[in-house]
Each structure stands twice: as C-alpha cells, then as structure tokens.
Protein backbone atom coordinates (compact mmCIF):
# COMPACT_ATOMS: atom_id res chain seq x y z
CA UNK A 1 30.99 -21.27 -4.43
CA UNK A 2 28.41 -22.72 -7.04
CA UNK A 3 25.31 -20.05 -6.17
CA UNK A 4 25.37 -17.16 -4.07
CA UNK A 5 21.64 -16.69 -3.71
CA UNK A 6 20.71 -13.23 -2.75
CA UNK A 7 17.68 -13.18 -0.18
CA UNK A 8 16.20 -9.48 -0.38
CA UNK A 9 14.44 -7.88 2.85
CA UNK A 10 11.15 -8.19 1.36
CA UNK A 11 11.10 -12.13 0.26
CA UNK A 12 11.49 -13.96 3.47
CA UNK A 13 10.20 -17.22 3.15
CA UNK A 14 11.38 -20.20 3.17
CA UNK A 15 9.48 -21.47 -0.04
CA UNK A 16 11.36 -19.38 -2.05
CA UNK A 17 12.19 -20.37 -5.28
CA UNK A 18 15.75 -19.54 -4.75
CA UNK A 19 15.82 -22.01 -2.21
CA UNK A 20 14.39 -24.82 -4.11
CA UNK A 21 17.45 -26.55 -4.83
CA UNK A 22 19.85 -24.95 -2.24
CA UNK A 23 22.58 -27.56 -1.45
CA UNK A 24 24.38 -25.64 1.61
CA UNK A 25 27.40 -27.97 0.85
CA UNK A 26 28.05 -25.69 -2.28
CA UNK A 27 25.88 -22.80 -2.16
CA UNK A 28 25.60 -19.73 0.27
CA UNK A 29 23.39 -16.93 1.08
CA UNK A 30 22.99 -13.73 1.17
CA UNK A 31 21.52 -10.71 2.70
CA UNK A 32 22.03 -7.29 3.04
CA UNK A 33 21.32 -4.26 5.31
CA UNK A 34 21.98 -0.95 3.61
CA UNK A 35 21.26 2.61 4.96
CA UNK A 36 20.79 3.78 0.88
CA UNK A 37 17.65 1.66 1.10
CA UNK A 38 16.27 3.40 4.03
CA UNK A 39 17.27 6.43 2.57
CA UNK A 40 16.06 6.26 -1.04
CA UNK A 41 13.01 7.81 0.15
CA UNK A 42 12.74 9.62 4.10
CA UNK A 43 11.20 6.33 4.92
CA UNK A 44 9.17 6.34 8.19
CA UNK A 45 10.95 4.73 11.39
CA UNK A 46 8.58 1.77 12.01
CA UNK A 47 9.10 0.82 8.00
CA UNK A 48 12.75 0.56 8.54
CA UNK A 49 12.32 -1.50 11.72
CA UNK A 50 9.76 -3.51 10.38
CA UNK A 51 12.64 -4.74 7.55
CA UNK A 52 15.65 -4.43 9.52
CA UNK A 53 13.84 -6.73 12.41
CA UNK A 54 11.60 -9.22 9.98
CA UNK A 55 15.22 -9.80 8.24
CA UNK A 56 17.06 -10.80 11.27
CA UNK A 57 14.45 -12.45 12.72
CA UNK A 58 14.76 -14.81 9.35
CA UNK A 59 18.89 -14.78 9.43
CA UNK A 60 18.26 -16.55 13.08
CA UNK A 61 15.88 -18.98 11.23
CA UNK A 62 18.47 -19.75 8.61
CA UNK A 63 21.35 -19.88 10.89
CA UNK A 64 19.27 -22.55 13.21
CA UNK A 65 19.37 -24.69 10.40
CA UNK A 66 22.90 -24.53 9.99
CA UNK A 67 22.86 -22.86 6.29
CA UNK A 68 25.96 -20.78 5.42
CA UNK A 69 24.73 -17.23 5.64
CA UNK A 70 26.77 -13.99 5.11
CA UNK A 71 24.64 -11.34 6.58
CA UNK A 72 25.67 -7.92 6.28
CA UNK A 73 24.75 -5.65 9.00
CA UNK A 74 24.06 -1.96 8.58
CA UNK A 75 27.26 -0.85 10.67
CA UNK A 76 29.46 -3.17 9.32
CA UNK A 77 32.18 -1.49 7.41
CA UNK A 78 32.29 -1.28 3.77
CA UNK A 79 30.40 0.15 0.68
CA UNK A 80 27.36 2.06 2.50
CA UNK A 81 24.65 1.36 -0.51
CA UNK A 82 23.08 -2.07 -1.41
CA UNK A 83 24.90 -2.15 -4.93
CA UNK A 84 28.65 -1.55 -3.55
CA UNK A 85 27.70 -4.29 -0.71
CA UNK A 86 26.76 -6.67 -3.08
CA UNK A 87 29.68 -6.58 -5.34
CA UNK A 88 31.98 -6.93 -1.89
CA UNK A 89 30.16 -9.93 -1.41
CA UNK A 90 30.64 -11.08 -4.61
CA UNK A 91 34.44 -10.72 -4.50
CA UNK A 92 34.71 -12.32 -0.94
CA UNK A 93 32.77 -15.37 -2.02
CA UNK A 94 33.99 -15.71 -5.96
CA UNK A 95 30.77 -17.76 -6.82
CA UNK A 96 30.11 -18.96 -10.16
CA UNK A 97 26.66 -17.44 -10.45
CA UNK A 98 24.36 -15.17 -8.22
CA UNK A 99 20.81 -16.36 -7.85
CA UNK A 100 17.94 -13.82 -6.61
CA UNK A 101 14.05 -13.86 -7.04
CA UNK A 102 13.02 -10.78 -9.30
CA UNK A 103 12.87 -8.04 -6.94
CA UNK A 104 9.74 -5.98 -6.52
CA UNK A 105 11.27 -2.93 -7.39
CA UNK A 106 12.57 -2.02 -11.21
CA UNK A 107 15.49 0.09 -9.28
CA UNK A 108 16.45 -2.79 -7.25
CA UNK A 109 16.39 -5.13 -10.35
CA UNK A 110 18.48 -2.76 -12.17
CA UNK A 111 21.20 -2.43 -9.25
CA UNK A 112 21.54 -5.86 -8.97
CA UNK A 113 21.97 -6.44 -12.69
CA UNK A 114 24.56 -3.22 -12.94
CA UNK A 115 26.39 -4.86 -9.67
CA UNK A 116 26.66 -8.59 -11.25
CA UNK A 117 28.01 -7.08 -14.38
CA UNK A 118 30.73 -5.07 -13.03
CA UNK A 119 31.55 -8.02 -11.06
CA UNK A 120 31.58 -10.30 -14.09
CA UNK A 121 29.31 -13.08 -12.42
CA UNK A 122 26.22 -14.45 -14.29
CA UNK A 123 22.90 -13.49 -12.49
CA UNK A 124 20.15 -16.32 -12.35
CA UNK A 125 16.84 -14.31 -11.70
CA UNK A 126 13.67 -16.40 -10.75
CA UNK A 127 9.98 -15.98 -10.76
CA UNK A 128 8.69 -15.13 -7.96
CA UNK A 129 6.05 -17.69 -7.08
CA UNK A 130 5.04 -15.90 -4.14
CA UNK A 131 2.37 -14.39 -6.78
CA UNK A 132 -0.29 -16.36 -8.38
CA UNK A 133 0.31 -14.74 -11.36
CA UNK A 134 3.58 -14.12 -13.00
CA UNK A 135 4.71 -11.37 -14.62
CA UNK A 136 4.67 -13.09 -17.70
CA UNK A 137 1.19 -14.69 -17.47
CA UNK A 138 -0.19 -10.78 -16.45
CA UNK A 139 1.87 -9.70 -19.86
CA UNK A 140 -0.29 -12.05 -22.10
CA UNK A 141 -3.39 -11.01 -20.49
CA UNK A 142 -2.48 -7.80 -20.98
CA UNK A 143 -1.47 -8.03 -24.19
CA UNK A 144 -3.61 -5.58 -26.84
CA UNK A 145 -5.71 -4.05 -24.06
CA UNK A 146 -5.21 -0.10 -24.43
CA UNK A 147 -6.93 -0.15 -20.88
CA UNK A 148 -6.88 -2.90 -18.18
CA UNK A 149 -9.47 -3.16 -15.76
CA UNK A 150 -8.82 -5.18 -12.50
CA UNK A 151 -12.51 -6.55 -12.59
CA UNK A 152 -12.18 -8.56 -15.55
CA UNK A 153 -8.76 -9.81 -14.34
CA UNK A 154 -10.02 -10.71 -11.02
CA UNK A 155 -12.96 -12.78 -12.84
CA UNK A 156 -10.12 -14.87 -14.85
CA UNK A 157 -8.25 -15.30 -11.48
CA UNK A 158 -11.54 -16.45 -9.59
CA UNK A 159 -12.25 -19.12 -12.15
CA UNK A 160 -8.53 -20.17 -12.78
CA UNK A 161 -8.54 -20.91 -8.98
CA UNK A 162 -11.69 -21.99 -8.39
CA UNK A 163 -12.06 -19.33 -5.57
CA UNK A 164 -15.86 -18.44 -4.32
CA UNK A 165 -17.06 -20.58 -7.63
CA UNK A 166 -20.13 -22.53 -7.69
CA UNK A 167 -18.94 -24.64 -10.78
CA UNK A 168 -18.55 -21.51 -13.40
CA UNK A 169 -20.53 -19.35 -11.78
CA UNK A 170 -19.58 -16.80 -8.79
CA UNK A 171 -21.07 -17.79 -5.61
CA UNK A 172 -24.35 -15.51 -4.80
CA UNK A 173 -24.42 -15.05 -8.26
CA UNK A 174 -22.52 -11.81 -8.21
CA UNK A 175 -18.49 -11.30 -8.93
CA UNK A 176 -18.24 -8.60 -5.94
CA UNK A 177 -20.24 -7.03 -3.48
CA UNK A 178 -18.66 -3.72 -3.32
CA UNK A 179 -22.13 -2.20 -3.07
CA UNK A 180 -22.86 -4.14 0.38
CA UNK A 181 -19.47 -2.94 1.58
CA UNK A 182 -19.57 0.94 1.81
CA UNK A 183 -21.45 1.34 5.11
CA UNK A 184 -20.35 4.30 7.39
CA UNK A 185 -20.51 3.70 11.18
CA UNK A 186 -23.73 4.96 12.76
CA UNK A 187 -23.56 8.41 13.47
CA UNK A 188 -26.38 8.27 15.93
CA UNK A 189 -27.74 5.82 18.47
CA UNK A 190 -30.43 3.59 17.57
CA UNK A 191 -32.01 0.71 19.42
CA UNK A 192 -29.90 0.81 22.41
CA UNK A 193 -26.29 0.89 20.69
CA UNK A 194 -24.00 3.62 20.99
CA UNK A 195 -23.21 5.71 17.86
CA UNK A 196 -19.60 5.08 16.27
CA UNK A 197 -17.86 1.99 15.55
CA UNK A 198 -18.67 0.26 19.07
CA UNK A 199 -16.45 -2.39 20.19
CA UNK A 200 -14.53 -3.44 17.66
CA UNK A 201 -12.20 -6.72 17.97
CA UNK A 202 -8.38 -5.71 17.95
CA UNK A 203 -5.93 -6.85 15.33
CA UNK A 204 -3.08 -8.86 16.95
CA UNK A 205 -0.26 -7.24 18.59
CA UNK A 206 3.23 -8.27 19.28
CA UNK A 207 5.40 -7.32 21.84
CA UNK A 208 9.16 -6.54 20.67
CA UNK A 209 11.27 -9.60 21.55
CA UNK A 210 15.32 -8.88 21.96
CA UNK A 211 16.01 -8.59 18.20
CA UNK A 212 13.04 -6.12 17.85
CA UNK A 213 14.15 -4.04 20.51
CA UNK A 214 17.48 -3.71 19.33
CA UNK A 215 16.56 -2.64 15.97
CA UNK A 216 13.97 0.01 17.49
CA UNK A 217 16.90 1.30 19.46
CA UNK A 218 19.44 1.16 16.22
CA UNK A 219 16.53 2.85 14.14
CA UNK A 220 15.77 5.91 16.92
CA UNK A 221 19.64 6.61 16.90
CA UNK A 222 20.63 6.09 13.37
CA UNK A 223 17.43 7.71 11.72
CA UNK A 224 16.65 9.99 14.76
CA UNK A 225 15.74 12.50 11.57
CA UNK A 226 13.29 10.41 9.94
CA UNK A 227 9.79 10.59 10.45
CA UNK A 228 7.13 9.23 12.65
CA UNK A 229 7.10 7.42 15.54
CA UNK A 230 8.31 3.97 16.84
CA UNK A 231 7.43 3.39 20.52
CA UNK A 232 3.78 1.91 19.40
CA UNK A 233 5.92 -0.66 17.08
CA UNK A 234 3.86 -4.00 17.15
CA UNK A 235 3.72 -5.52 13.82
CA UNK A 236 4.58 -9.18 13.22
CA UNK A 237 7.99 -9.70 12.10
CA UNK A 238 8.35 -13.54 11.80
CA UNK A 239 6.25 -16.49 9.75
CA UNK A 240 4.69 -17.57 13.47
CA UNK A 241 3.57 -14.18 14.46
CA UNK A 242 1.76 -13.42 10.98
CA UNK A 243 -0.12 -16.47 11.04
CA UNK A 244 -1.22 -15.64 14.60
CA UNK A 245 -1.85 -12.43 12.88
CA UNK A 246 -4.28 -13.94 10.09
CA UNK A 247 -5.83 -16.20 12.56
CA UNK A 248 -7.24 -13.24 14.55
CA UNK A 249 -8.43 -11.41 11.76
CA UNK A 250 -10.37 -14.54 10.54
CA UNK A 251 -12.07 -15.26 13.19
CA UNK A 252 -12.56 -12.02 14.99
CA UNK A 253 -12.46 -9.14 12.70
CA UNK A 254 -13.30 -10.70 8.91
CA UNK A 255 -16.99 -10.91 9.81
CA UNK A 256 -17.35 -7.17 10.09
CA UNK A 257 -14.54 -6.23 7.48
CA UNK A 258 -16.91 -5.91 4.33
CA UNK A 259 -19.57 -3.95 5.46
CA UNK A 260 -17.21 -1.50 7.53
CA UNK A 261 -14.19 -1.67 5.02
CA UNK A 262 -15.02 2.27 3.81
CA UNK A 263 -15.69 3.85 7.55
CA UNK A 264 -13.72 6.35 9.00
CA UNK A 265 -13.82 7.34 12.66
CA UNK A 266 -12.03 10.01 14.85
CA UNK A 267 -9.30 7.71 17.15
CA UNK A 268 -9.88 4.40 15.32
CA UNK A 269 -6.67 3.64 13.31
CA UNK A 270 -7.49 0.32 12.27
CA UNK A 271 -10.97 -0.51 12.07
CA UNK A 272 -11.88 -4.02 11.25
CA UNK A 273 -9.15 -3.95 8.48
CA UNK A 274 -7.01 -6.87 8.50
CA UNK A 275 -3.51 -5.48 8.80
CA UNK A 276 -2.10 -8.01 7.06
CA UNK A 277 -0.58 -6.01 3.96
CA UNK A 278 2.82 -5.81 5.43
CA UNK A 279 3.48 -9.67 6.35
CA UNK A 280 2.14 -10.51 2.77
CA UNK A 281 4.52 -8.12 1.31
CA UNK A 282 7.61 -9.53 3.28
CA UNK A 283 6.19 -12.83 2.42
CA UNK A 284 5.62 -14.07 5.52
CA UNK A 285 2.28 -14.98 4.68
CA UNK A 286 1.70 -16.54 1.22
CA UNK A 287 -1.72 -15.02 -0.33
CA UNK A 288 -2.46 -18.65 -1.13
CA UNK A 289 -3.10 -19.35 2.52
CA UNK A 290 -4.58 -16.21 3.34
CA UNK A 291 -7.63 -16.48 0.29
CA UNK A 292 -8.42 -20.25 1.21
CA UNK A 293 -8.62 -19.25 5.30
CA UNK A 294 -11.12 -16.38 4.32
CA UNK A 295 -12.88 -18.84 1.45
CA UNK A 296 -12.92 -21.85 4.26
CA UNK A 297 -14.54 -18.77 6.58
CA UNK A 298 -17.22 -18.44 4.36
CA UNK A 299 -18.09 -21.75 3.81
CA UNK A 300 -18.36 -22.84 7.51
CA UNK A 301 -20.84 -20.49 7.92
CA UNK A 302 -18.61 -17.93 9.97
CA UNK A 303 -18.14 -14.90 7.72
CA UNK A 304 -21.09 -13.62 5.26
CA UNK A 305 -20.09 -14.04 1.73
CA UNK A 306 -19.86 -10.02 1.49
CA UNK A 307 -17.29 -9.95 3.72
CA UNK A 308 -15.11 -12.76 2.49
CA UNK A 309 -15.36 -11.67 -1.12
CA UNK A 310 -14.43 -8.13 -0.27
CA UNK A 311 -11.32 -9.19 0.93
CA UNK A 312 -10.37 -11.85 -1.54
CA UNK A 313 -11.35 -9.28 -4.02
CA UNK A 314 -7.94 -7.34 -2.33
CA UNK A 315 -5.85 -10.08 -2.49
CA UNK A 316 -6.51 -12.12 -5.32
CA UNK A 317 -7.55 -9.07 -7.33
CA UNK A 318 -6.34 -5.87 -6.83
CA UNK A 319 -2.65 -7.03 -5.31
CA UNK A 320 -2.10 -9.34 -8.00
CA UNK A 321 -3.60 -6.62 -10.63
CA UNK A 322 -1.52 -4.01 -9.50
CA UNK A 323 1.84 -6.15 -9.60
CA UNK A 324 1.42 -6.89 -13.12
CA UNK A 325 0.66 -3.10 -13.97
CA UNK A 326 3.67 -2.18 -12.18
CA UNK A 327 5.86 -4.17 -14.64
CA UNK A 328 3.89 -3.90 -17.61
CA UNK A 329 4.23 -0.15 -17.74
CA UNK A 330 7.40 0.91 -15.75
CA UNK A 331 9.79 2.87 -16.27
CA UNK A 332 6.87 5.63 -17.60
CA UNK A 333 4.82 4.75 -14.51
CA UNK A 334 7.18 6.35 -12.03
CA UNK A 335 6.72 9.81 -14.53
CA UNK A 336 3.11 9.67 -15.31
CA UNK A 337 1.41 12.81 -14.60
CA UNK A 338 -1.89 12.77 -16.77
CA UNK A 339 -2.90 16.28 -15.13
CA UNK A 340 0.74 17.99 -15.33
CA UNK A 341 0.40 18.55 -11.39
CA UNK A 342 3.86 19.64 -9.85
CA UNK A 343 2.99 21.62 -6.52
CA UNK A 344 5.04 20.78 -3.65
CA UNK A 345 4.03 18.54 -1.22
CA UNK A 346 2.91 20.60 1.87
CA UNK A 347 5.06 20.18 5.11
CA UNK A 348 2.46 18.80 7.26
CA UNK A 349 2.37 15.71 5.25
CA UNK A 350 5.37 14.89 7.31
CA UNK A 351 4.20 16.23 11.07
CA UNK A 352 0.12 16.29 10.56
CA UNK A 353 -0.07 20.01 11.78
CA UNK A 354 -3.34 21.23 9.57
CA UNK A 355 -6.56 22.30 10.17
CA UNK A 356 -8.32 19.75 8.45
CA UNK A 357 -9.88 17.43 10.71
CA UNK A 358 -9.60 14.10 8.75
CA UNK A 359 -6.48 14.77 7.33
CA UNK A 360 -4.85 15.75 11.07
CA UNK A 361 -6.28 12.36 11.88
CA UNK A 362 -5.43 10.29 9.35
CA UNK A 363 -1.80 11.80 9.41
CA UNK A 364 -1.62 11.52 13.22
CA UNK A 365 -2.29 7.83 12.95
CA UNK A 366 -0.09 7.29 10.06
CA UNK A 367 2.74 8.99 11.79
CA UNK A 368 2.24 6.78 14.93
CA UNK A 369 2.02 3.20 13.48
CA UNK A 370 3.49 3.55 9.81
CA UNK A 371 -0.58 2.71 9.05
CA UNK A 372 -3.90 3.84 7.09
CA UNK A 373 -6.36 1.85 5.98
CA UNK A 374 -7.22 2.21 1.97
CA UNK A 375 -9.95 4.62 2.20
CA UNK A 376 -7.64 6.98 4.32
CA UNK A 377 -5.10 6.63 1.78
CA UNK A 378 -7.20 7.26 -1.26
CA UNK A 379 -10.04 9.61 -0.59
CA UNK A 380 -8.22 11.62 2.43
CA UNK A 381 -4.73 11.86 1.46
CA UNK A 382 -4.48 10.86 -1.98
CA UNK A 383 -7.90 12.91 -2.76
CA UNK A 384 -6.41 15.58 -1.33
CA UNK A 385 -3.18 15.23 -2.98
CA UNK A 386 -4.88 15.06 -6.55
CA UNK A 387 -7.36 17.92 -5.97
CA UNK A 388 -4.32 20.11 -4.63
CA UNK A 389 -2.32 19.30 -7.82
CA UNK A 390 0.55 17.93 -5.93
CA UNK A 391 3.28 16.66 -7.88
CA UNK A 392 2.76 12.64 -8.18
CA UNK A 393 6.26 12.11 -7.88
CA UNK A 394 6.14 13.96 -4.59
CA UNK A 395 3.35 12.29 -3.35
CA UNK A 396 4.71 8.82 -4.57
CA UNK A 397 7.52 8.95 -2.53
CA UNK A 398 5.71 10.14 0.48
CA UNK A 399 3.21 7.17 0.20
CA UNK A 400 6.49 4.76 -0.46
CA UNK A 401 8.23 6.42 2.60
CA UNK A 402 5.53 6.63 5.11
CA UNK A 403 3.88 3.31 5.29
CA UNK A 404 5.00 0.18 6.39
CA UNK A 405 4.03 -1.94 4.13
CA UNK A 406 5.01 0.09 0.84
CA UNK A 407 7.32 -1.59 -1.82
CA UNK A 408 7.16 0.16 -4.72
CA UNK A 409 5.44 -2.65 -7.09
CA UNK A 410 2.13 -2.19 -4.96
CA UNK A 411 3.10 1.53 -3.55
CA UNK A 412 3.80 3.17 -6.96
CA UNK A 413 0.60 2.34 -9.03
CA UNK A 414 -1.86 2.31 -6.26
CA UNK A 415 -0.52 5.87 -5.76
CA UNK A 416 0.04 6.98 -9.49
CA UNK A 417 -3.08 5.26 -10.86
CA UNK A 418 -5.73 4.86 -8.18
CA UNK A 419 -5.30 7.67 -5.71
CA UNK A 420 -3.84 10.64 -8.35
CA UNK A 421 -5.42 9.35 -11.66
CA UNK A 422 -1.59 10.14 -13.03
CA UNK A 423 -2.13 7.24 -15.47
CA UNK A 424 -5.07 8.39 -17.08
CA UNK A 425 -7.63 5.80 -18.08
CA UNK A 426 -5.39 3.39 -17.96
CA UNK A 427 -6.11 1.11 -15.32
CA UNK A 428 -8.68 2.95 -13.57
CA UNK A 429 -12.02 4.37 -15.26
CA UNK A 430 -12.26 7.58 -13.49
CA UNK A 431 -10.37 10.15 -11.07
CA UNK A 432 -11.42 9.03 -7.08
CA UNK A 433 -12.28 12.73 -6.10
CA UNK A 434 -14.80 13.91 -3.71
CA UNK A 435 -15.99 17.11 -1.87
CA UNK A 436 -15.71 16.89 1.34
CA UNK A 437 -19.57 15.39 1.29
CA UNK A 438 -17.97 12.10 1.10
CA UNK A 439 -15.78 12.27 4.06
CA UNK A 440 -18.55 13.60 6.12
CA UNK A 441 -20.70 10.90 4.68
CA UNK A 442 -18.33 7.92 5.90
CA UNK A 443 -16.79 9.42 9.01
CA UNK A 444 -17.39 11.82 11.93
CA UNK A 445 -14.13 13.92 11.25
CA UNK A 446 -15.99 16.89 9.95
CA UNK A 447 -17.76 17.18 13.52
CA UNK A 448 -14.68 18.44 14.92
CA UNK A 449 -13.51 20.44 12.10
CA UNK A 450 -12.99 24.33 11.75
CA UNK A 451 -14.13 23.69 7.88
CA UNK A 452 -17.77 23.24 6.88
CA UNK A 453 -17.93 20.49 4.01
CA UNK A 454 -21.00 21.77 2.77
CA UNK A 455 -19.65 25.32 2.23
CA UNK A 456 -17.70 25.98 -0.92
CA UNK A 457 -16.25 29.50 -0.41
CA UNK A 458 -15.39 31.55 2.24
CA UNK A 459 -13.08 31.38 5.77
CA UNK A 460 -14.96 28.29 6.73
CA UNK A 461 -15.34 26.61 3.54
CA UNK A 462 -13.82 22.85 2.93
CA UNK A 463 -10.82 22.87 1.10
CA UNK A 464 -11.83 19.80 -0.34
CA UNK A 465 -15.07 21.00 -1.42
CA UNK A 466 -13.59 24.05 -2.59
CA UNK A 467 -11.12 22.00 -4.46
CA UNK A 468 -13.20 19.74 -5.63
CA UNK A 469 -15.71 21.99 -7.46
CA UNK A 470 -12.52 24.02 -8.89
CA UNK A 471 -11.04 20.51 -10.43
CA UNK A 472 -14.81 19.60 -11.75
CA UNK A 473 -14.93 23.00 -13.58
CA UNK A 474 -11.41 22.82 -14.45
CA UNK A 475 -11.90 19.17 -16.32
CA UNK A 476 -15.60 19.15 -16.87
CA UNK A 477 -15.28 18.40 -20.90
CA UNK A 478 -13.33 15.21 -20.16
CA UNK A 479 -15.32 14.60 -17.01
CA UNK A 480 -18.40 14.95 -19.17
CA UNK A 481 -17.33 12.50 -21.63
CA UNK A 482 -16.91 9.34 -18.85
CA UNK A 483 -20.00 7.91 -18.09
CA UNK A 484 -18.60 7.19 -14.53
CA UNK A 485 -17.82 11.19 -14.00
CA UNK A 486 -20.69 12.81 -16.38
CA UNK A 487 -23.17 13.43 -13.32
CA UNK A 488 -19.87 15.56 -11.59
CA UNK A 489 -19.98 17.68 -14.53
CA UNK A 490 -23.36 18.24 -15.07
CA UNK A 491 -23.87 18.92 -11.19
CA UNK A 492 -21.77 22.26 -12.12
CA UNK A 493 -24.62 23.54 -13.63
CA UNK A 494 -26.17 24.04 -10.24
CA UNK A 495 -23.22 26.52 -9.41
CA UNK A 496 -23.83 29.97 -10.76
CA UNK A 497 -21.25 31.58 -12.83
CA UNK A 498 -20.25 34.17 -9.76
CA UNK A 499 -19.87 31.40 -7.22
CA UNK A 500 -17.75 29.48 -9.74
CA UNK A 501 -15.60 32.56 -10.39
CA UNK A 502 -15.65 32.84 -6.42
CA UNK A 503 -14.34 28.66 -6.35
CA UNK A 504 -11.76 29.34 -8.93
CA UNK A 505 -10.25 32.28 -6.81
CA UNK A 506 -10.58 30.95 -3.51
CA UNK A 507 -8.92 27.64 -4.95
CA UNK A 508 -6.03 29.61 -6.19
CA UNK A 509 -5.36 30.86 -2.61
CA UNK A 510 -5.42 27.75 -1.19
CA UNK A 511 -3.30 26.07 -3.37
CA UNK A 512 -1.11 29.34 -3.10
CA UNK A 513 -0.79 28.66 0.62
CA UNK A 514 -1.29 25.03 1.56
CA UNK A 515 0.98 25.20 4.71
CA UNK A 516 -1.51 27.46 6.44
CA UNK A 517 -4.63 25.19 5.79
C-alpha cells in the first residue's frame, strides 16, 4: 500500500484534500470508531450518535464507490483507544506513509503523530482546505499583534473573497449590522400580533434511517450512563440532508434570523437560528456554499442585508477567526484562567435541576437536543459560569461534551475566550457579563422564575444580579480602565457601602451553596 489515508470523524467530505490524489489501486482508506473518543469528555448521547451515524453514512458512500476502506467499528476486537487502533491498522496494511488532513484538535494531532512514530511510518499532514483561511495565513495576519480582534480579521476576509462588497466598500455602508440584530421577541401583544416569537418556520429535521436507528440503539446501550436524551435525534448525517437543511434555513428562516438572533423564549429551543454548525463542523457542508447562498438570498431581495450580514459574519468572520486563534494560542489556551477561578461545576449543569428559570429552560433543551443557540451559551450558561467563578477547564469540558457541534478548535476558544474571559483581552475586548436585567430584556424567562432580576440581595434576589455586582465590585479597577466596561464600574457608585457589603456576603453564600440555587 502506498498511502493509508485516515479520514477523521469530522472530515466527512469527498472534497477532502487527502482524497485529491487517491488511487484505489495502490491506496487505502481508514476510518476509526473509538470508545476513548466518546469518553475523552462525558459526551452527550446525541453528540456520540451524530458522529457515529455521520461516519457510518460516509463509509457507506465510500463503499458504494468501490473504494478500499478499513472501517474499524467500535465493537471490533483490539485496542479501545484511538492511537492503539491506528497502530493496529498500520500493522495490518504496512503502508509506505499515512496521510491525514490536519485534525481539528491538538490532542488528536499528537495522538496520530505518536502512533505513526511508534509504527515508524511517515505521516503526511495536509492543510485543511475546508477553511477559507489556512493556519499559516492566520499566523501571518496575527504576527506582531498582542491582541487579536475578529472585526478587523472579518474585514480582511470580506475584501479577500469579495463577500457583500460594493467594489472596495461594504454593502450598506457598514461592515456589520450588529446593532440592528439584537431585538427581543415582543412581550406584549400589539397590532393584533401575539406576544412572544409567534409562528417560527421550523428547521429541517430528519427521521432516523436504519443506520441512525442502529447507532441510537448502540449509544443508548453502550453509553447509557452518559448525559442527555437521544429520542429527539433529527440532525443531518449526510451531505444530502445537510444541503436540505441549508436550503430550508436560507428560504424560510434567514429572513428573520438577524433581528431575533439574540432573542430567547421559554420552550423555543431553535428560534430563527440556522442549526448548521454541526453539519459544517463535520464538513458535510462547505462554508463557501453556505456564504454564497446567504449572499445570493440578499441580492435577489428575499433576505434583508442585516440578516445576511449577521449570518455571514458568523461563518466568514467568527468561525474562521476562532479556528485561527485556537491553533495560534494552543496549548496554553487549554489552561487559560485569567481570573484564577477554580470552583467546581454544579451537578445541575448535567441534569438541569435548578431553580433559575433561564438556566433550567436552556439546560433542558441542551439535554434534549444537544443544542442551545449562541446567546444561551454565552449569556445564560457562560455568563453564570464566569460570575460564579467556575473552573474554566471544567466548564470547557462541559461545553465540549454537551453540544453536538462541539469540536475542540471551535469550542475551546469560544468557551475560554468569549464566555469566560479566561484569556483576558487576547481576543475579546471585555468580559461578557450581565445581571438578570439582560436576560429579562432578551427573554420571558424571568416572568416564571422564583428570583427577581431587579433584586440584588435576599431570598428572592436573582443569582445573576447578585453575582454580577459582586464581580463588578471585585474587578472594579480593571473594568474602570477599559472604555468598554468603564460604565459598569461607574454604576457601582450608585450602590451604598452597606449594600455592597451585603452583596459580597450573599454572593459568597451563593457560591458556597451552588447546588441549591
């Protein structure tokens, strides 16, 4: 065998550069299921099922082409860890070299390198052309910059790929329309319209086929003690399904996505969001086609510019930026802890049994679907974790385990940098913290909660509000020095010394008794 081509579980594309010169007469393909990967973190059942089902569907497509594939099933005898299974495959096939597209996780890259070194076989690691910005290109952009900012990177990418551009200028005269994309759902009925989100066009959903049903049964049995439900599994697991999910979003959901992308409402798990991140991160979709369809929808008049730009910014801007940051700042990113927080993750993060309505609703949908949209992840789960001084490492492992679209290159910098400010100002300009007032403004959660977002101290005080003011008090000096947070610190002056003391005491009690909140 000339090349043994290793296809990883999040690289399921026939456009993979590893297949560009594939010759079935002298090359072989390898795919590996490994229990160690499902257990590296305590993965949600739906996350395990998504990876396994998508891998097995892709393997079926490879087999239909008649390509030689060694598919190592999880129940296959031999080593139970990924590196061991790779070494066993190298021994079976005796290739001249192993080829792989650069992994999305440093740990996996190191496992593969070590396995090939142990087997004394050369490893050929190829740039992942799925992304629009290579690791080398990002490193060149980042060179000499102490602080990295997505907004400036995004402008470079818009110009380079001529996306939403009018010559050299951005369409609509602005690089982003973030200010227009922060509306909450209406809380009172007006003009004959009901309060709340009203009728939302549903996302595409896919009934499990034979392969997926077999996977679901396997996961339910083999990983019975893992968190989450699997009965609601309806994620796209093939390219055909992913393309249908993209089409449904562009036609029926993108027009309202921009205005309401930051809105939350009880029992509204998906809102107007795309639900395409899992398919993108498995490489079932190419970001270029996603961006192109969103731009075309704007140019043909079916989608407002604010929605198209807000969505494209997430793909062309934040997704590419965050991947670059991951590889630029690893391995230190994994241990980042700007505030020195060490508190244990409460058990209710895994079961949703908390009295806080916002967290209870967001965690319930997370456990049911393996999904929450970005504001829930940032301003409900992440906001609480930062204010409650939870360990960034424990929180990072939770995010990686619990969401179906979680791969470390995207999960870790989003969690450590964006949600927890554990990287300081390296690539986010401020900590994203808020009191219960923000959640009250953006949702209806507070109306059904035992806690009052307007109260800072006492039995009915909202934990977010108490912990927010405790955080502001503790970090007032640093916050005052940052133009983006100076007003937060200044507002502390409106609170009497006696109440600040009471806030400190109440916050300490909350953090010592988090399991009961």
